[in-house]
């Protein structure tokens, strides 16, 4: 339950969303998280 872990997870999630958007063509609900 460390805040640092959450921050790292958020960074990784954002990177994964960006990659997924590139692969999918920018058609994902990731924008909501961003």
N, C-alpha and C. Protein backbone atom coordinates (compact mmCIF):
# COMPACT_ATOMS: atom_id res chain seq x y z
N UNK A 1 0.85 -1.21 0.00
CA UNK A 1 0.00 0.00 0.00
C UNK A 1 0.87 1.25 0.00
N UNK A 2 1.93 1.22 -0.80
CA UNK A 2 2.83 2.38 -0.84
C UNK A 2 2.40 3.34 -1.93
N UNK A 3 2.48 4.61 -1.63
CA UNK A 3 2.08 5.63 -2.61
C UNK A 3 3.03 5.61 -3.80
N UNK A 4 4.30 5.32 -3.52
CA UNK A 4 5.29 5.29 -4.60
C UNK A 4 4.92 4.22 -5.62
N UNK A 5 4.46 3.07 -5.12
CA UNK A 5 4.09 1.98 -6.01
C UNK A 5 2.95 2.42 -6.91
N UNK A 6 1.99 3.15 -6.32
CA UNK A 6 0.85 3.62 -7.10
C UNK A 6 1.34 4.56 -8.19
N UNK A 7 2.29 5.42 -7.86
CA UNK A 7 2.82 6.38 -8.84
C UNK A 7 3.49 5.63 -9.99
N UNK A 8 4.30 4.64 -9.63
CA UNK A 8 5.00 3.85 -10.65
C UNK A 8 3.98 3.11 -11.51
N UNK A 9 2.99 2.52 -10.87
CA UNK A 9 1.96 1.78 -11.61
C UNK A 9 1.24 2.71 -12.56
N UNK A 10 0.96 3.93 -12.12
CA UNK A 10 0.27 4.90 -12.97
C UNK A 10 1.12 5.24 -14.18
N UNK A 11 2.43 5.40 -13.96
CA UNK A 11 3.34 5.71 -15.06
C UNK A 11 3.38 4.56 -16.06
N UNK A 12 3.46 3.34 -15.53
CA UNK A 12 3.50 2.16 -16.41
C UNK A 12 2.18 2.04 -17.16
N UNK A 13 1.09 2.25 -16.46
CA UNK A 13 -0.23 2.15 -17.08
C UNK A 13 -0.35 3.16 -18.22
N UNK A 14 0.12 4.38 -17.95
CA UNK A 14 0.05 5.43 -18.98
C UNK A 14 0.87 5.04 -20.21
N UNK A 15 2.04 4.47 -19.97
CA UNK A 15 2.90 4.04 -21.08
C UNK A 15 2.23 2.91 -21.86
N UNK A 16 1.61 1.98 -21.13
CA UNK A 16 0.93 0.86 -21.79
C UNK A 16 -0.24 1.36 -22.62
N UNK A 17 -0.97 2.32 -22.08
CA UNK A 17 -2.11 2.89 -22.81
C UNK A 17 -1.63 3.56 -24.08
N UNK A 18 -0.54 4.30 -23.99
CA UNK A 18 0.00 4.99 -25.17
C UNK A 18 0.39 3.97 -26.24
N UNK A 19 1.04 2.89 -25.80
CA UNK A 19 1.45 1.85 -26.75
C UNK A 19 0.21 1.18 -27.35
N UNK A 20 -0.75 0.91 -26.51
CA UNK A 20 -1.97 0.23 -26.97
C UNK A 20 -2.72 1.13 -27.95
N UNK A 21 -2.77 2.41 -27.64
CA UNK A 21 -3.46 3.35 -28.54
C UNK A 21 -2.77 3.38 -29.89
N UNK A 22 -1.45 3.34 -29.88
CA UNK A 22 -0.69 3.33 -31.14
C UNK A 22 -1.01 2.08 -31.95
N UNK A 23 -1.09 0.94 -31.24
CA UNK A 23 -1.36 -0.33 -31.91
C UNK A 23 -2.82 -0.39 -32.38
N UNK A 24 -3.72 0.05 -31.53
CA UNK A 24 -5.14 -0.04 -31.85
C UNK A 24 -5.55 1.11 -32.78
N UNK A 25 -4.76 2.16 -32.81
CA UNK A 25 -5.07 3.29 -33.69
C UNK A 25 -5.74 4.43 -32.93
N UNK A 26 -5.62 4.42 -31.61
CA UNK A 26 -6.18 5.51 -30.81
C UNK A 26 -7.66 5.30 -30.55
N UNK A 27 -8.10 4.05 -30.40
CA UNK A 27 -9.51 3.79 -30.14
C UNK A 27 -9.63 2.95 -28.87
N UNK A 28 -9.40 3.61 -27.73
CA UNK A 28 -9.44 2.88 -26.45
C UNK A 28 -9.95 3.82 -25.36
N UNK A 29 -10.46 3.24 -24.29
CA UNK A 29 -10.96 4.05 -23.18
C UNK A 29 -9.82 4.57 -22.31
N UNK A 30 -8.59 4.37 -22.74
CA UNK A 30 -7.44 4.82 -21.96
C UNK A 30 -7.44 6.33 -21.76
N UNK A 31 -8.08 7.04 -22.68
CA UNK A 31 -8.12 8.50 -22.57
C UNK A 31 -8.83 8.91 -21.28
N UNK A 32 -9.78 8.09 -20.84
CA UNK A 32 -10.51 8.42 -19.62
C UNK A 32 -9.57 8.37 -18.42
N UNK A 33 -8.67 7.37 -18.41
CA UNK A 33 -7.72 7.24 -17.31
C UNK A 33 -6.73 8.40 -17.35
N UNK A 34 -6.32 8.77 -18.55
CA UNK A 34 -5.35 9.85 -18.71
C UNK A 34 -6.01 11.16 -18.30
